[in-house]
Amino acid sequence: MTEQNIVSKGKEVVRIEGEAVLNLMNSIDADFAKTVNQIFNSKGRVVFTGMGKSGIIARKIVATMNSTGTAAIFMHPTDALHGDLGMVRREDTVILISKSGHTEELHQLIPMLKRIGVTVIGMLGEPDSKIGRDCNIVLNVSVKEEACPHDLAPTASTTAALVMGDALAIALLEMRGFTKEDFALLHPGGSLGKRLSLKISEIMIKGKDVPVVNQSASLKDSILEITSKRLGVTCVVDSQGILCGIITDGDLRRLLEKNLEIKNLTALDVMTKNPKTISKEFLASFAIQQMEKFNITALIVADEKNRPEGIIHLHDLVKLGLQSR
């Protein structure tokens, strides 16, 4: 194949699968609403099952549902016929995924599922099939053609089933009022979970590690404080411990550029007044936003009386994977 032929074939696959997805708009109907309401109102889980590629799609939908507040599990049809059917409870909802609607392993399951008393839903490429006729509800995921030129490898059909699963998951998310905070509780280990749940109080530098000098401190002592705490800044407080300014490495460089007599200067002479502060109750992700907004690398964490109780540095946030995306 020439390069042009390869590019054309790639575009053709995207066109076919894109049309398959768009055609699903006709399948988002009363049966879709019934399915969402059935899952939402049930006290059990959603049990997905499917053979081959359909089984892989089922596993992906299960993962999406679990991460968005709908409890779901995957059950392999063959294993179900040999004991795993015991994982299905009366209060569950079972969704069978099949392109043909004639998958024998799935068809064999239906009488046993009905004996248990669960609602059986088919996500089928052929709604008027033997599986479709035995289901309580059918979701139509039929496609006009597969991207595979031999109509053998499931391509457009698996894409359609996956998108239908996403549509169910997001509709359920909306019905549950599932928030980003809920999402964070289910994703505590990744950077996404950290951005949505980690508070400044949990990661701020505090105690003796916070660089602080009195406003009457000499410039030399201020520089020593900045150097010893290795944050490139120091808080400046008055005699009552109230924050009144900040000195940064940048302030010192700009001071040297002025060629002033610095021997008798104090922190009060050098500091930047009214520094940006943040409460320890805010999310760490908000600290990132503030730093980017004001083009700074450190934020002082101040209490309700404007006394410094911590400091948070951009480098620490980046190490935690909290940088903006």
C-alpha atoms as a PDB file:
ATOM      1  CA  MET A   1       0.000   0.000   0.000  1.00  0.00           C
ATOM      2  CA  THR A   2       1.145   3.498  -0.759  1.00  0.00           C
ATOM      3  CA  GLU A   3       1.256   6.145   1.951  1.00  0.00           C
ATOM      4  CA  GLN A   4      -1.824   7.751   0.454  1.00  0.00           C
ATOM      5  CA  ASN A   5      -3.710   4.440   0.547  1.00  0.00           C
ATOM      6  CA  ILE A   6      -2.743   3.900   4.177  1.00  0.00           C
ATOM      7  CA  VAL A   7      -3.979   7.359   5.138  1.00  0.00           C
ATOM      8  CA  SER A   8      -7.219   6.825   3.206  1.00  0.00           C
ATOM      9  CA  LYS A   9      -7.841   3.501   4.920  1.00  0.00           C
ATOM     10  CA  GLY A  10      -7.268   5.054   8.351  1.00  0.00           C
ATOM     11  CA  LYS A  11      -9.741   7.832   7.590  1.00  0.00           C
ATOM     12  CA  GLU A  12     -12.259   5.307   6.300  1.00  0.00           C
ATOM     13  CA  VAL A  13     -12.125   3.380   9.578  1.00  0.00           C
ATOM     14  CA  VAL A  14     -12.669   6.584  11.555  1.00  0.00           C
ATOM     15  CA  ARG A  15     -15.601   7.519   9.304  1.00  0.00           C
ATOM     16  CA  ILE A  16     -17.297   4.144   9.704  1.00  0.00           C
ATOM     17  CA  GLU A  17     -16.880   4.060  13.471  1.00  0.00           C
ATOM     18  CA  GLY A  18     -17.869   7.719  13.807  1.00  0.00           C
ATOM     19  CA  GLU A  19     -21.103   7.064  11.922  1.00  0.00           C
ATOM     20  CA  ALA A  20     -21.762   4.041  14.118  1.00  0.00           C
ATOM     21  CA  VAL A  21     -21.529   6.236  17.190  1.00  0.00           C
ATOM     22  CA  LEU A  22     -23.719   8.974  15.730  1.00  0.00           C
ATOM     23  CA  ASN A  23     -26.347   6.413  14.752  1.00  0.00           C
ATOM     24  CA  LEU A  24     -26.652   5.504  18.436  1.00  0.00           C
ATOM     25  CA  MET A  25     -28.596   8.735  18.880  1.00  0.00           C
ATOM     26  CA  ASN A  26     -31.612   6.801  17.577  1.00  0.00           C
ATOM     27  CA  SER A  27     -31.096   4.184  20.294  1.00  0.00           C
ATOM     28  CA  ILE A  28     -31.161   6.636  23.189  1.00  0.00           C
ATOM     29  CA  ASP A  29     -34.890   6.172  23.668  1.00  0.00           C
ATOM     30  CA  ALA A  30     -37.475   4.898  26.115  1.00  0.00           C
ATOM     31  CA  ASP A  31     -35.610   1.599  26.526  1.00  0.00           C
ATOM     32  CA  PHE A  32     -32.466   3.515  27.431  1.00  0.00           C
ATOM     33  CA  ALA A  33     -34.421   5.458  30.064  1.00  0.00           C
ATOM     34  CA  LYS A  34     -35.928   2.196  31.391  1.00  0.00           C
ATOM     35  CA  THR A  35     -32.446   0.729  31.707  1.00  0.00           C
ATOM     36  CA  VAL A  36     -31.106   3.738  33.605  1.00  0.00           C
ATOM     37  CA  ASN A  37     -34.109   3.760  35.951  1.00  0.00           C
ATOM     38  CA  GLN A  38     -33.842   0.007  36.511  1.00  0.00           C
ATOM     39  CA  ILE A  39     -30.193   0.291  37.549  1.00  0.00           C
ATOM     40  CA  PHE A  40     -30.738   3.440  39.603  1.00  0.00           C
ATOM     41  CA  ASN A  41     -33.686   2.040  41.537  1.00  0.00           C
ATOM     42  CA  SER A  42     -32.220  -1.416  42.141  1.00  0.00           C
ATOM     43  CA  LYS A  43     -30.432  -2.217  45.378  1.00  0.00           C
ATOM     44  CA  GLY A  44     -27.914  -4.506  43.714  1.00  0.00           C
ATOM     45  CA  ARG A  45     -25.065  -4.252  41.258  1.00  0.00           C
ATOM     46  CA  VAL A  46     -24.914  -4.257  37.486  1.00  0.00           C
ATOM     47  CA  VAL A  47     -23.520  -7.564  36.233  1.00  0.00           C
ATOM     48  CA  PHE A  48     -22.063  -7.325  32.716  1.00  0.00           C
ATOM     49  CA  THR A  49     -21.284 -10.368  30.640  1.00  0.00           C
ATOM     50  CA  GLY A  50     -20.136 -11.043  27.095  1.00  0.00           C
ATOM     51  CA  MET A  51     -17.933 -13.377  25.076  1.00  0.00           C
ATOM     52  CA  GLY A  52     -14.718 -12.444  23.271  1.00  0.00           C
ATOM     53  CA  LYS A  53     -14.433  -8.784  22.261  1.00  0.00           C
ATOM     54  CA  SER A  54     -17.833  -8.081  23.775  1.00  0.00           C
ATOM     55  CA  GLY A  55     -16.455  -9.351  27.068  1.00  0.00           C
ATOM     56  CA  ILE A  56     -13.546  -6.903  26.843  1.00  0.00           C
ATOM     57  CA  ILE A  57     -15.978  -4.057  26.225  1.00  0.00           C
ATOM     58  CA  ALA A  58     -18.054  -5.249  29.178  1.00  0.00           C
ATOM     59  CA  ARG A  59     -14.996  -5.055  31.445  1.00  0.00           C
ATOM     60  CA  LYS A  60     -14.339  -1.470  30.334  1.00  0.00           C
ATOM     61  CA  ILE A  61     -17.926  -0.438  31.046  1.00  0.00           C
ATOM     62  CA  VAL A  62     -17.683  -2.073  34.462  1.00  0.00           C
ATOM     63  CA  ALA A  63     -14.576  -0.002  35.213  1.00  0.00           C
ATOM     64  CA  THR A  64     -16.310   3.198  34.118  1.00  0.00           C
ATOM     65  CA  MET A  65     -19.397   2.510  36.207  1.00  0.00           C
ATOM     66  CA  ASN A  66     -17.416   1.624  39.319  1.00  0.00           C
ATOM     67  CA  SER A  67     -15.422   4.847  39.044  1.00  0.00           C
ATOM     68  CA  THR A  68     -18.559   6.965  38.683  1.00  0.00           C
ATOM     69  CA  GLY A  69     -20.611   5.620  41.558  1.00  0.00           C
ATOM     70  CA  THR A  70     -22.467   2.630  40.103  1.00  0.00           C
ATOM     71  CA  ALA A  71     -21.397  -0.736  41.519  1.00  0.00           C
ATOM     72  CA  ALA A  72     -20.709  -3.180  38.692  1.00  0.00           C
ATOM     73  CA  ILE A  73     -18.950  -6.511  38.130  1.00  0.00           C
ATOM     74  CA  PHE A  74     -17.992  -8.621  35.130  1.00  0.00           C
ATOM     75  CA  MET A  75     -19.041 -12.264  34.860  1.00  0.00           C
ATOM     76  CA  HIS A  76     -17.570 -14.475  32.158  1.00  0.00           C
ATOM     77  CA  PRO A  77     -20.395 -16.444  30.488  1.00  0.00           C
ATOM     78  CA  THR A  78     -18.537 -19.758  30.394  1.00  0.00           C
ATOM     79  CA  ASP A  79     -17.462 -19.472  34.014  1.00  0.00           C
ATOM     80  CA  ALA A  80     -21.035 -18.558  34.922  1.00  0.00           C
ATOM     81  CA  LEU A  81     -22.204 -21.854  33.464  1.00  0.00           C
ATOM     82  CA  HIS A  82     -19.708 -23.630  35.708  1.00  0.00           C
ATOM     83  CA  GLY A  83     -20.371 -22.054  39.066  1.00  0.00           C
ATOM     84  CA  ASP A  84     -19.786 -18.296  38.825  1.00  0.00           C
ATOM     85  CA  LEU A  85     -23.502 -17.712  38.428  1.00  0.00           C
ATOM     86  CA  GLY A  86     -23.455 -17.774  42.222  1.00  0.00           C
ATOM     87  CA  MET A  87     -22.177 -14.199  42.187  1.00  0.00           C
ATOM     88  CA  VAL A  88     -25.527 -12.974  40.837  1.00  0.00           C
ATOM     89  CA  ARG A  89     -28.108 -11.838  43.392  1.00  0.00           C
ATOM     90  CA  ARG A  90     -31.827 -11.306  42.989  1.00  0.00           C
ATOM     91  CA  GLU A  91     -31.474  -7.531  43.393  1.00  0.00           C
ATOM     92  CA  ASP A  92     -28.847  -7.268  40.604  1.00  0.00           C
ATOM     93  CA  THR A  93     -29.360  -6.195  37.005  1.00  0.00           C
ATOM     94  CA  VAL A  94     -27.632  -8.275  34.318  1.00  0.00           C
ATOM     95  CA  ILE A  95     -26.597  -6.775  30.977  1.00  0.00           C
ATOM     96  CA  LEU A  96     -25.689  -9.172  28.144  1.00  0.00           C
ATOM     97  CA  ILE A  97     -23.505  -7.758  25.349  1.00  0.00           C
ATOM     98  CA  SER A  98     -23.591  -9.484  21.975  1.00  0.00           C
ATOM     99  CA  LYS A  99     -23.199  -8.277  18.410  1.00  0.00           C
ATOM    100  CA  SER A 100     -25.128 -11.153  16.873  1.00  0.00           C
ATOM    101  CA  GLY A 101     -27.713 -11.631  19.582  1.00  0.00           C
ATOM    102  CA  HIS A 102     -27.215 -15.370  19.147  1.00  0.00           C
ATOM    103  CA  THR A 103     -24.194 -16.019  21.400  1.00  0.00           C
ATOM    104  CA  GLU A 104     -24.956 -19.480  22.712  1.00  0.00           C
ATOM    105  CA  GLU A 105     -23.243 -19.087  26.095  1.00  0.00           C
ATOM    106  CA  LEU A 106     -25.334 -15.981  26.808  1.00  0.00           C
ATOM    107  CA  HIS A 107     -28.543 -17.583  25.616  1.00  0.00           C
ATOM    108  CA  GLN A 108     -27.988 -20.511  27.970  1.00  0.00           C
ATOM    109  CA  LEU A 109     -27.659 -18.111  30.886  1.00  0.00           C
ATOM    110  CA  ILE A 110     -31.000 -16.382  30.431  1.00  0.00           C
ATOM    111  CA  PRO A 111     -33.304 -19.108  31.887  1.00  0.00           C
ATOM    112  CA  MET A 112     -31.070 -19.412  34.946  1.00  0.00           C
ATOM    113  CA  LEU A 113     -30.929 -15.638  35.394  1.00  0.00           C
ATOM    114  CA  LYS A 114     -34.701 -15.441  35.237  1.00  0.00           C
ATOM    115  CA  ARG A 115     -34.921 -18.241  37.780  1.00  0.00           C
ATOM    116  CA  ILE A 116     -32.841 -16.097  40.125  1.00  0.00           C
ATOM    117  CA  GLY A 117     -35.253 -13.231  39.472  1.00  0.00           C
ATOM    118  CA  VAL A 118     -32.954 -10.568  38.049  1.00  0.00           C
ATOM    119  CA  THR A 119     -33.839  -8.098  35.310  1.00  0.00           C
ATOM    120  CA  VAL A 120     -32.041  -9.111  32.104  1.00  0.00           C
ATOM    121  CA  ILE A 121     -31.045  -6.420  29.626  1.00  0.00           C
ATOM    122  CA  GLY A 122     -29.540  -7.059  26.213  1.00  0.00           C
ATOM    123  CA  MET A 123     -27.067  -4.670  24.600  1.00  0.00           C
ATOM    124  CA  LEU A 124     -27.373  -6.203  21.174  1.00  0.00           C
ATOM    125  CA  GLY A 125     -26.337  -5.646  17.586  1.00  0.00           C
ATOM    126  CA  GLU A 126     -29.467  -7.537  16.505  1.00  0.00           C
ATOM    127  CA  PRO A 127     -32.353  -6.598  18.806  1.00  0.00           C
ATOM    128  CA  ASP A 128     -34.752  -9.034  17.106  1.00  0.00           C
ATOM    129  CA  SER A 129     -32.664 -12.095  17.929  1.00  0.00           C
ATOM    130  CA  LYS A 130     -33.209 -15.090  20.180  1.00  0.00           C
ATOM    131  CA  ILE A 131     -31.385 -13.333  23.027  1.00  0.00           C
ATOM    132  CA  GLY A 132     -33.271 -10.106  22.369  1.00  0.00           C
ATOM    133  CA  ARG A 133     -36.634 -11.860  22.503  1.00  0.00           C
ATOM    134  CA  ASP A 134     -35.854 -13.278  25.950  1.00  0.00           C
ATOM    135  CA  CYS A 135     -34.600 -10.031  27.542  1.00  0.00           C
ATOM    136  CA  ASN A 136     -36.687  -7.684  29.665  1.00  0.00           C
ATOM    137  CA  ILE A 137     -35.177  -4.642  27.949  1.00  0.00           C
ATOM    138  CA  VAL A 138     -33.091  -4.364  24.779  1.00  0.00           C
ATOM    139  CA  LEU A 139     -30.585  -1.616  23.955  1.00  0.00           C
ATOM    140  CA  ASN A 140     -30.000  -1.427  20.215  1.00  0.00           C
ATOM    141  CA  VAL A 141     -26.302  -1.111  19.349  1.00  0.00           C
ATOM    142  CA  SER A 142     -26.566  -2.289  15.750  1.00  0.00           C
ATOM    143  CA  VAL A 143     -24.214  -0.849  13.119  1.00  0.00           C
ATOM    144  CA  LYS A 144     -24.524  -0.565   9.348  1.00  0.00           C
ATOM    145  CA  GLU A 145     -21.053  -1.976   8.730  1.00  0.00           C
ATOM    146  CA  GLU A 146     -17.847  -2.969  10.437  1.00  0.00           C
ATOM    147  CA  ALA A 147     -14.591  -1.200   9.674  1.00  0.00           C
ATOM    148  CA  CYS A 148     -13.094  -4.620   8.977  1.00  0.00           C
ATOM    149  CA  PRO A 149     -13.354  -5.108   5.181  1.00  0.00           C
ATOM    150  CA  HIS A 150     -14.200  -8.789   5.679  1.00  0.00           C
ATOM    151  CA  ASP A 151     -16.885  -8.019   8.286  1.00  0.00           C
ATOM    152  CA  LEU A 152     -15.103 -10.381  10.666  1.00  0.00           C
ATOM    153  CA  ALA A 153     -13.250  -8.398  13.344  1.00  0.00           C
ATOM    154  CA  PRO A 154     -15.658  -6.501  15.623  1.00  0.00           C
ATOM    155  CA  THR A 155     -14.746  -2.825  15.212  1.00  0.00           C
ATOM    156  CA  ALA A 156     -17.646  -0.415  14.777  1.00  0.00           C
ATOM    157  CA  SER A 157     -19.883  -2.764  16.769  1.00  0.00           C
ATOM    158  CA  THR A 158     -17.600  -2.829  19.808  1.00  0.00           C
ATOM    159  CA  THR A 159     -17.188   0.947  19.619  1.00  0.00           C
ATOM    160  CA  ALA A 160     -20.976   1.356  19.606  1.00  0.00           C
ATOM    161  CA  ALA A 161     -21.366  -0.932  22.629  1.00  0.00           C
ATOM    162  CA  LEU A 162     -18.654   0.944  24.514  1.00  0.00           C
ATOM    163  CA  VAL A 163     -20.280   4.312  23.851  1.00  0.00           C
ATOM    164  CA  MET A 164     -23.673   2.985  24.927  1.00  0.00           C
ATOM    165  CA  GLY A 165     -22.050   1.858  28.172  1.00  0.00           C
ATOM    166  CA  ASP A 166     -20.565   5.314  28.674  1.00  0.00           C
ATOM    167  CA  ALA A 167     -23.974   6.868  28.059  1.00  0.00           C
ATOM    168  CA  LEU A 168     -25.488   4.657  30.770  1.00  0.00           C
ATOM    169  CA  ALA A 169     -22.698   5.444  33.229  1.00  0.00           C
ATOM    170  CA  ILE A 170     -22.913   9.197  32.773  1.00  0.00           C
ATOM    171  CA  ALA A 171     -26.713   9.271  32.919  1.00  0.00           C
ATOM    172  CA  LEU A 172     -26.487   7.361  36.212  1.00  0.00           C
ATOM    173  CA  LEU A 173     -23.770   9.703  37.458  1.00  0.00           C
ATOM    174  CA  GLU A 174     -26.089  12.650  36.864  1.00  0.00           C
ATOM    175  CA  MET A 175     -29.039  10.946  38.563  1.00  0.00           C
ATOM    176  CA  ARG A 176     -26.934  10.171  41.631  1.00  0.00           C
ATOM    177  CA  GLY A 177     -25.658  13.737  41.885  1.00  0.00           C
ATOM    178  CA  PHE A 178     -22.160  12.268  41.785  1.00  0.00           C
ATOM    179  CA  THR A 179     -19.635  15.069  42.426  1.00  0.00           C
ATOM    180  CA  LYS A 180     -15.932  15.518  41.799  1.00  0.00           C
ATOM    181  CA  GLU A 181     -15.426  15.010  45.539  1.00  0.00           C
ATOM    182  CA  ASP A 182     -17.155  11.631  45.271  1.00  0.00           C
ATOM    183  CA  PHE A 183     -14.909  10.829  42.322  1.00  0.00           C
ATOM    184  CA  ALA A 184     -11.834  11.703  44.379  1.00  0.00           C
ATOM    185  CA  LEU A 185     -12.852   9.269  47.115  1.00  0.00           C
ATOM    186  CA  LEU A 186     -12.798   6.475  44.539  1.00  0.00           C
ATOM    187  CA  HIS A 187      -9.458   7.574  43.036  1.00  0.00           C
ATOM    188  CA  PRO A 188      -7.236   8.336  46.039  1.00  0.00           C
ATOM    189  CA  GLY A 189      -4.036   6.926  44.594  1.00  0.00           C
ATOM    190  CA  GLY A 190      -3.665   8.900  41.385  1.00  0.00           C
ATOM    191  CA  SER A 191      -2.838  12.527  40.668  1.00  0.00           C
ATOM    192  CA  LEU A 192      -6.472  13.148  39.782  1.00  0.00           C
ATOM    193  CA  GLY A 193      -7.610  12.049  43.213  1.00  0.00           C
ATOM    194  CA  LYS A 194      -4.978  14.208  44.843  1.00  0.00           C
ATOM    195  CA  ARG A 195      -6.053  17.279  42.887  1.00  0.00           C
ATOM    196  CA  LEU A 196      -9.637  16.708  43.968  1.00  0.00           C
ATOM    197  CA  SER A 197      -9.116  15.806  47.619  1.00  0.00           C
ATOM    198  CA  LEU A 198      -5.725  16.798  49.029  1.00  0.00           C
ATOM    199  CA  LYS A 199      -5.928  19.788  51.357  1.00  0.00           C
ATOM    200  CA  ILE A 200      -3.177  22.307  51.941  1.00  0.00           C
ATOM    201  CA  SER A 201      -3.128  21.366  55.640  1.00  0.00           C
ATOM    202  CA  GLU A 202      -2.018  17.865  54.660  1.00  0.00           C
ATOM    203  CA  ILE A 203       1.032  18.878  52.649  1.00  0.00           C
ATOM    204  CA  MET A 204       2.124  22.327  53.836  1.00  0.00           C
ATOM    205  CA  ILE A 205       5.503  22.934  55.432  1.00  0.00           C
ATOM    206  CA  LYS A 206       4.892  23.849  59.068  1.00  0.00           C
ATOM    207  CA  GLY A 207       6.438  24.335  62.494  1.00  0.00           C
ATOM    208  CA  LYS A 208      10.136  25.092  62.706  1.00  0.00           C
ATOM    209  CA  ASP A 209      10.576  24.475  58.984  1.00  0.00           C
ATOM    210  CA  VAL A 210       8.632  27.633  58.105  1.00  0.00           C
ATOM    211  CA  PRO A 211      11.053  30.511  57.379  1.00  0.00           C
ATOM    212  CA  VAL A 212      10.136  33.523  59.551  1.00  0.00           C
ATOM    213  CA  VAL A 213      11.980  36.683  60.607  1.00  0.00           C
ATOM    214  CA  ASN A 214      10.906  39.723  62.578  1.00  0.00           C
ATOM    215  CA  GLN A 215      10.555  42.926  60.612  1.00  0.00           C
ATOM    216  CA  SER A 216      13.438  44.396  62.627  1.00  0.00           C
ATOM    217  CA  ALA A 217      15.819  41.573  61.656  1.00  0.00           C
ATOM    218  CA  SER A 218      18.915  42.570  59.719  1.00  0.00           C
ATOM    219  CA  LEU A 219      19.157  41.834  56.023  1.00  0.00           C
ATOM    220  CA  LYS A 220      21.956  39.392  56.817  1.00  0.00           C
ATOM    221  CA  ASP A 221      19.766  37.419  59.226  1.00  0.00           C
ATOM    222  CA  SER A 222      16.946  37.423  56.671  1.00  0.00           C
ATOM    223  CA  ILE A 223      19.255  35.965  54.029  1.00  0.00           C
ATOM    224  CA  LEU A 224      20.458  33.309  56.471  1.00  0.00           C
ATOM    225  CA  GLU A 225      16.846  32.333  57.199  1.00  0.00           C
ATOM    226  CA  ILE A 226      16.043  32.032  53.501  1.00  0.00           C
ATOM    227  CA  THR A 227      19.183  29.976  52.918  1.00  0.00           C
ATOM    228  CA  SER A 228      18.733  27.646  55.880  1.00  0.00           C
ATOM    229  CA  LYS A 229      15.102  26.796  55.123  1.00  0.00           C
ATOM    230  CA  ARG A 230      15.810  26.271  51.402  1.00  0.00           C
ATOM    231  CA  LEU A 231      12.499  27.617  50.122  1.00  0.00           C
ATOM    232  CA  GLY A 232      13.710  30.813  48.495  1.00  0.00           C
ATOM    233  CA  VAL A 233      11.484  32.944  50.724  1.00  0.00           C
ATOM    234  CA  THR A 234      10.915  34.043  54.285  1.00  0.00           C
ATOM    235  CA  CYS A 235       7.852  35.397  56.028  1.00  0.00           C
ATOM    236  CA  VAL A 236       8.238  38.738  57.824  1.00  0.00           C
ATOM    237  CA  VAL A 237       6.204  39.323  61.009  1.00  0.00           C
ATOM    238  CA  ASP A 238       5.729  42.175  63.461  1.00  0.00           C
ATOM    239  CA  SER A 239       6.232  42.025  67.209  1.00  0.00           C
ATOM    240  CA  GLN A 240       2.837  40.327  67.620  1.00  0.00           C
ATOM    241  CA  GLY A 241       3.688  37.597  65.121  1.00  0.00           C
ATOM    242  CA  ILE A 242       1.305  39.039  62.534  1.00  0.00           C
ATOM    243  CA  LEU A 243       2.366  38.637  58.927  1.00  0.00           C
ATOM    244  CA  CYS A 244       3.389  41.943  57.396  1.00  0.00           C
ATOM    245  CA  GLY A 245       5.497  40.952  54.411  1.00  0.00           C
ATOM    246  CA  ILE A 246       7.612  38.443  52.512  1.00  0.00           C
ATOM    247  CA  ILE A 247      11.186  38.460  51.208  1.00  0.00           C
ATOM    248  CA  THR A 248      12.075  36.309  48.220  1.00  0.00           C
ATOM    249  CA  ASP A 249      15.244  35.492  46.326  1.00  0.00           C
ATOM    250  CA  GLY A 250      13.910  37.784  43.622  1.00  0.00           C
ATOM    251  CA  ASP A 251      13.627  40.690  46.062  1.00  0.00           C
ATOM    252  CA  LEU A 252      17.280  40.221  47.035  1.00  0.00           C
ATOM    253  CA  ARG A 253      18.460  40.135  43.407  1.00  0.00           C
ATOM    254  CA  ARG A 254      16.551  43.292  42.594  1.00  0.00           C
ATOM    255  CA  LEU A 255      18.003  44.957  45.685  1.00  0.00           C
ATOM    256  CA  LEU A 256      21.561  44.183  44.592  1.00  0.00           C
ATOM    257  CA  GLU A 257      20.856  45.599  41.134  1.00  0.00           C
ATOM    258  CA  LYS A 258      20.105  48.976  42.724  1.00  0.00           C
ATOM    259  CA  ASN A 259      23.641  49.248  44.152  1.00  0.00           C
ATOM    260  CA  LEU A 260      22.315  50.504  47.497  1.00  0.00           C
ATOM    261  CA  GLU A 261      24.153  50.516  50.778  1.00  0.00           C
ATOM    262  CA  ILE A 262      22.656  47.363  52.293  1.00  0.00           C
ATOM    263  CA  LYS A 263      24.660  47.030  55.502  1.00  0.00           C
ATOM    264  CA  ASN A 264      22.063  48.677  57.736  1.00  0.00           C
ATOM    265  CA  LEU A 265      18.929  47.496  55.967  1.00  0.00           C
ATOM    266  CA  THR A 266      16.294  45.479  57.862  1.00  0.00           C
ATOM    267  CA  ALA A 267      13.665  43.029  56.745  1.00  0.00           C
ATOM    268  CA  LEU A 268      11.122  45.845  56.906  1.00  0.00           C
ATOM    269  CA  ASP A 269      13.116  47.825  54.341  1.00  0.00           C
ATOM    270  CA  VAL A 270      13.351  44.962  51.880  1.00  0.00           C
ATOM    271  CA  MET A 271      10.107  43.014  52.213  1.00  0.00           C
ATOM    272  CA  THR A 272       7.162  43.041  49.841  1.00  0.00           C
ATOM    273  CA  LYS A 273       4.091  44.135  51.783  1.00  0.00           C
ATOM    274  CA  ASN A 274       0.708  42.377  51.692  1.00  0.00           C
ATOM    275  CA  PRO A 275       1.951  39.004  50.408  1.00  0.00           C
ATOM    276  CA  LYS A 276      -0.442  36.463  48.938  1.00  0.00           C
ATOM    277  CA  THR A 277      -1.773  34.038  51.541  1.00  0.00           C
ATOM    278  CA  ILE A 278      -4.077  31.049  51.578  1.00  0.00           C
ATOM    279  CA  SER A 279      -6.064  29.098  54.161  1.00  0.00           C
ATOM    280  CA  LYS A 280      -4.994  25.583  55.059  1.00  0.00           C
ATOM    281  CA  GLU A 281      -8.573  24.383  54.420  1.00  0.00           C
ATOM    282  CA  PHE A 282      -8.344  24.976  50.664  1.00  0.00           C
ATOM    283  CA  LEU A 283      -7.520  22.175  48.239  1.00  0.00           C
ATOM    284  CA  ALA A 284      -3.913  21.957  47.143  1.00  0.00           C
ATOM    285  CA  SER A 285      -5.073  22.280  43.539  1.00  0.00           C
ATOM    286  CA  PHE A 286      -6.390  25.767  44.367  1.00  0.00           C
ATOM    287  CA  ALA A 287      -2.919  26.743  45.584  1.00  0.00           C
ATOM    288  CA  ILE A 288      -1.553  25.787  42.151  1.00  0.00           C
ATOM    289  CA  GLN A 289      -4.152  28.012  40.495  1.00  0.00           C
ATOM    290  CA  GLN A 290      -3.252  30.946  42.717  1.00  0.00           C
ATOM    291  CA  MET A 291       0.458  30.548  42.055  1.00  0.00           C
ATOM    292  CA  GLU A 292      -0.142  30.490  38.317  1.00  0.00           C
ATOM    293  CA  LYS A 293      -2.490  33.485  38.536  1.00  0.00           C
ATOM    294  CA  PHE A 294       0.002  35.657  40.411  1.00  0.00           C
ATOM    295  CA  ASN A 295       3.155  34.133  38.878  1.00  0.00           C
ATOM    296  CA  ILE A 296       4.654  33.161  42.240  1.00  0.00           C
ATOM    297  CA  THR A 297       6.274  29.963  43.509  1.00  0.00           C
ATOM    298  CA  ALA A 298       5.274  30.032  47.180  1.00  0.00           C
ATOM    299  CA  LEU A 299       2.183  30.813  49.204  1.00  0.00           C
ATOM    300  CA  ILE A 300       2.085  31.595  52.898  1.00  0.00           C
ATOM    301  CA  VAL A 301      -0.543  29.671  54.827  1.00  0.00           C
ATOM    302  CA  ALA A 302      -2.024  32.112  57.348  1.00  0.00           C
ATOM    303  CA  ASP A 303      -4.484  31.545  60.187  1.00  0.00           C
ATOM    304  CA  GLU A 304      -7.574  33.623  60.935  1.00  0.00           C
ATOM    305  CA  LYS A 305      -5.432  36.284  62.659  1.00  0.00           C
ATOM    306  CA  ASN A 306      -3.052  36.464  59.678  1.00  0.00           C
ATOM    307  CA  ARG A 307      -0.222  34.713  61.467  1.00  0.00           C
ATOM    308  CA  PRO A 308       1.905  32.408  59.293  1.00  0.00           C
ATOM    309  CA  GLU A 309       1.343  28.761  60.205  1.00  0.00           C
ATOM    310  CA  GLY A 310       2.771  27.163  57.126  1.00  0.00           C
ATOM    311  CA  ILE A 311       4.071  27.612  53.625  1.00  0.00           C
ATOM    312  CA  ILE A 312       3.445  25.745  50.409  1.00  0.00           C
ATOM    313  CA  HIS A 313       5.910  25.674  47.522  1.00  0.00           C
ATOM    314  CA  LEU A 314       5.225  25.041  43.856  1.00  0.00           C
ATOM    315  CA  HIS A 315       7.980  22.434  43.591  1.00  0.00           C
ATOM    316  CA  ASP A 316       6.318  20.277  46.260  1.00  0.00           C
ATOM    317  CA  LEU A 317       2.986  20.440  44.447  1.00  0.00           C
ATOM    318  CA  VAL A 318       4.609  19.442  41.163  1.00  0.00           C
ATOM    319  CA  LYS A 319       6.298  16.479  42.839  1.00  0.00           C
ATOM    320  CA  LEU A 320       2.894  15.300  43.995  1.00  0.00           C
ATOM    321  CA  GLY A 321       1.602  15.439  40.423  1.00  0.00           C
ATOM    322  CA  LEU A 322      -0.758  18.326  41.133  1.00  0.00           C
ATOM    323  CA  GLN A 323       0.323  20.634  38.348  1.00  0.00           C
ATOM    324  CA  SER A 324      -2.419  21.919  36.071  1.00  0.00           C
ATOM    325  CA  ARG A 325      -3.288  19.845  33.020  1.00  0.00           C
END
